[in-house]
Amino acid sequence: MKTNNIKKSLVGLSLLALVGCTSNFDEINSNPDGFTQEELTQDFNHIKGTLLQCLTM
């Protein structure tokens, strides 16, 4: 009886491990309301260099 429970537990855990491993893990676990890499880039970062050139002239 005890070995039967152990075997059932091992089969259940192995099936759970097989189902838990997915190839598209990042796609499933991404936040659709979060920020994208494009949104995280700095805005108007290119203006600083132009302003410094104008001020030094």
C-alpha atoms as a PDB file:
ATOM      1  CA  MET A   1       0.000   0.000   0.000  1.00  0.00           C
ATOM      2  CA  LYS A   2       2.819   2.392   0.919  1.00  0.00           C
ATOM      3  CA  THR A   3       4.760   1.699  -2.302  1.00  0.00           C
ATOM      4  CA  ASN A   4       1.577   2.229  -4.306  1.00  0.00           C
ATOM      5  CA  ASN A   5       1.201   5.732  -2.837  1.00  0.00           C
ATOM      6  CA  ILE A   6       4.848   6.487  -3.542  1.00  0.00           C
ATOM      7  CA  LYS A   7       4.478   5.373  -7.170  1.00  0.00           C
ATOM      8  CA  LYS A   8       1.337   7.479  -7.616  1.00  0.00           C
ATOM      9  CA  SER A   9       3.100  10.481  -6.120  1.00  0.00           C
ATOM     10  CA  LEU A  10       6.112  10.063  -8.417  1.00  0.00           C
ATOM     11  CA  VAL A  11       3.916   9.713 -11.495  1.00  0.00           C
ATOM     12  CA  GLY A  12       1.911  12.769 -10.478  1.00  0.00           C
ATOM     13  CA  LEU A  13       5.018  14.872  -9.855  1.00  0.00           C
ATOM     14  CA  SER A  14       6.623  13.810 -13.111  1.00  0.00           C
ATOM     15  CA  LEU A  15       3.464  14.703 -15.061  1.00  0.00           C
ATOM     16  CA  LEU A  16       3.330  18.048 -13.309  1.00  0.00           C
ATOM     17  CA  ALA A  17       6.957  18.698 -14.214  1.00  0.00           C
ATOM     18  CA  LEU A  18       6.325  17.837 -17.871  1.00  0.00           C
ATOM     19  CA  VAL A  19       3.325  20.127 -18.112  1.00  0.00           C
ATOM     20  CA  GLY A  20       5.075  22.950 -16.239  1.00  0.00           C
ATOM     21  CA  CYS A  21       7.936  23.203 -18.746  1.00  0.00           C
ATOM     22  CA  THR A  22       6.858  25.305 -21.724  1.00  0.00           C
ATOM     23  CA  SER A  23       8.843  26.602 -24.655  1.00  0.00           C
ATOM     24  CA  ASN A  24       7.061  29.980 -24.729  1.00  0.00           C
ATOM     25  CA  PHE A  25       7.467  30.800 -21.027  1.00  0.00           C
ATOM     26  CA  ASP A  26       8.372  34.474 -21.598  1.00  0.00           C
ATOM     27  CA  GLU A  27       5.418  35.052 -23.906  1.00  0.00           C
ATOM     28  CA  ILE A  28       2.965  33.545 -21.439  1.00  0.00           C
ATOM     29  CA  ASN A  29       4.361  35.381 -18.426  1.00  0.00           C
ATOM     30  CA  SER A  30       4.715  38.837 -19.967  1.00  0.00           C
ATOM     31  CA  ASN A  31       2.593  41.686 -18.676  1.00  0.00           C
ATOM     32  CA  PRO A  32       0.408  43.052 -21.509  1.00  0.00           C
ATOM     33  CA  ASP A  33      -0.037  46.305 -19.576  1.00  0.00           C
ATOM     34  CA  GLY A  34       3.673  46.744 -18.842  1.00  0.00           C
ATOM     35  CA  PHE A  35       6.291  48.858 -20.588  1.00  0.00           C
ATOM     36  CA  THR A  36       8.049  47.761 -23.769  1.00  0.00           C
ATOM     37  CA  GLN A  37      11.778  48.255 -24.407  1.00  0.00           C
ATOM     38  CA  GLU A  38      10.916  51.034 -26.877  1.00  0.00           C
ATOM     39  CA  GLU A  39       8.941  52.883 -24.223  1.00  0.00           C
ATOM     40  CA  LEU A  40      11.831  52.608 -21.745  1.00  0.00           C
ATOM     41  CA  THR A  41      14.300  54.485 -23.984  1.00  0.00           C
ATOM     42  CA  GLN A  42      14.996  58.114 -23.129  1.00  0.00           C
ATOM     43  CA  ASP A  43      13.025  60.732 -25.000  1.00  0.00           C
ATOM     44  CA  PHE A  44      14.821  63.668 -26.599  1.00  0.00           C
ATOM     45  CA  ASN A  45      18.268  62.377 -25.621  1.00  0.00           C
ATOM     46  CA  HIS A  46      19.686  63.574 -28.965  1.00  0.00           C
ATOM     47  CA  ILE A  47      18.877  67.260 -28.249  1.00  0.00           C
ATOM     48  CA  LYS A  48      21.454  67.629 -25.469  1.00  0.00           C
ATOM     49  CA  GLY A  49      24.408  67.426 -27.842  1.00  0.00           C
ATOM     50  CA  THR A  50      22.938  70.028 -30.197  1.00  0.00           C
ATOM     51  CA  LEU A  51      22.194  72.431 -27.356  1.00  0.00           C
ATOM     52  CA  LEU A  52      25.722  72.137 -25.977  1.00  0.00           C
ATOM     53  CA  GLN A  53      27.193  72.937 -29.403  1.00  0.00           C
ATOM     54  CA  CYS A  54      24.984  76.023 -29.722  1.00  0.00           C
ATOM     55  CA  LEU A  55      25.877  77.278 -26.250  1.00  0.00           C
ATOM     56  CA  THR A  56      29.635  76.916 -26.731  1.00  0.00           C
ATOM     57  CA  MET A  57      29.692  78.923 -29.975  1.00  0.00           C
END
